[in-house]
C-alpha atoms as a PDB file:
ATOM      1  CA  ALA A   1    -230.250  31.838-166.290  1.00  0.00           C
ATOM      2  CA  ASP A   2    -227.042  32.173-164.275  1.00  0.00           C
ATOM      3  CA  SER A   3    -226.219  35.377-166.123  1.00  0.00           C
ATOM      4  CA  ASP A   4    -229.671  36.801-165.405  1.00  0.00           C
ATOM      5  CA  LEU A   5    -229.428  35.877-161.737  1.00  0.00           C
ATOM      6  CA  LEU A   6    -225.981  37.439-161.480  1.00  0.00           C
ATOM      7  CA  TYR A   7    -227.233  40.637-163.100  1.00  0.00           C
ATOM      8  CA  TRP A   8    -230.267  40.660-160.810  1.00  0.00           C
ATOM      9  CA  ILE A   9    -228.139  40.221-157.676  1.00  0.00           C
ATOM     10  CA  LYS A  10    -225.596  42.809-158.820  1.00  0.00           C
ATOM     11  CA  GLY A  11    -228.435  45.155-159.705  1.00  0.00           C
ATOM     12  CA  ILE A  12    -229.876  44.885-156.201  1.00  0.00           C
ATOM     13  CA  ALA A  13    -226.486  45.127-154.483  1.00  0.00           C
ATOM     14  CA  ASN A  14    -225.547  48.182-156.529  1.00  0.00           C
ATOM     15  CA  GLY A  15    -229.064  49.592-156.737  1.00  0.00           C
ATOM     16  CA  TRP A  16    -229.398  50.216-153.026  1.00  0.00           C
ATOM     17  CA  ARG A  17    -226.212  52.306-152.909  1.00  0.00           C
ATOM     18  CA  LEU A  18    -225.576  53.420-156.498  1.00  0.00           C
ATOM     19  CA  ASP A  19    -229.139  53.714-157.776  1.00  0.00           C
ATOM     20  CA  VAL A  20    -228.704  57.368-158.718  1.00  0.00           C
ATOM     21  CA  LEU A  21    -225.058  57.041-159.738  1.00  0.00           C
ATOM     22  CA  VAL A  22    -225.830  54.174-162.109  1.00  0.00           C
ATOM     23  CA  ASP A  23    -229.185  55.456-163.339  1.00  0.00           C
ATOM     24  CA  GLU A  24    -228.196  59.044-164.113  1.00  0.00           C
ATOM     25  CA  PRO A  25    -225.114  58.439-166.313  1.00  0.00           C
ATOM     26  CA  GLU A  26    -227.127  55.871-168.258  1.00  0.00           C
ATOM     27  CA  VAL A  27    -229.970  58.304-168.924  1.00  0.00           C
ATOM     28  CA  SER A  28    -228.092  61.608-169.031  1.00  0.00           C
ATOM     29  CA  PRO A  29    -225.769  61.134-172.047  1.00  0.00           C
ATOM     30  CA  PRO A  30    -228.589  60.187-174.469  1.00  0.00           C
ATOM     31  CA  ALA A  31    -230.768  62.955-173.072  1.00  0.00           C
ATOM     32  CA  VAL A  32    -227.979  65.520-173.434  1.00  0.00           C
ATOM     33  CA  GLN A  33    -227.035  64.330-176.914  1.00  0.00           C
ATOM     34  CA  GLY A  34    -230.655  64.256-178.084  1.00  0.00           C
END
């Protein structure tokens, strides 16, 4: 539960500012490789 909460908080904290930066690299490599 603590781990989930930490991920959730970090996700929100990073999401607001790094939403695109975090989302794109995660989706781009598989898309480019595939």
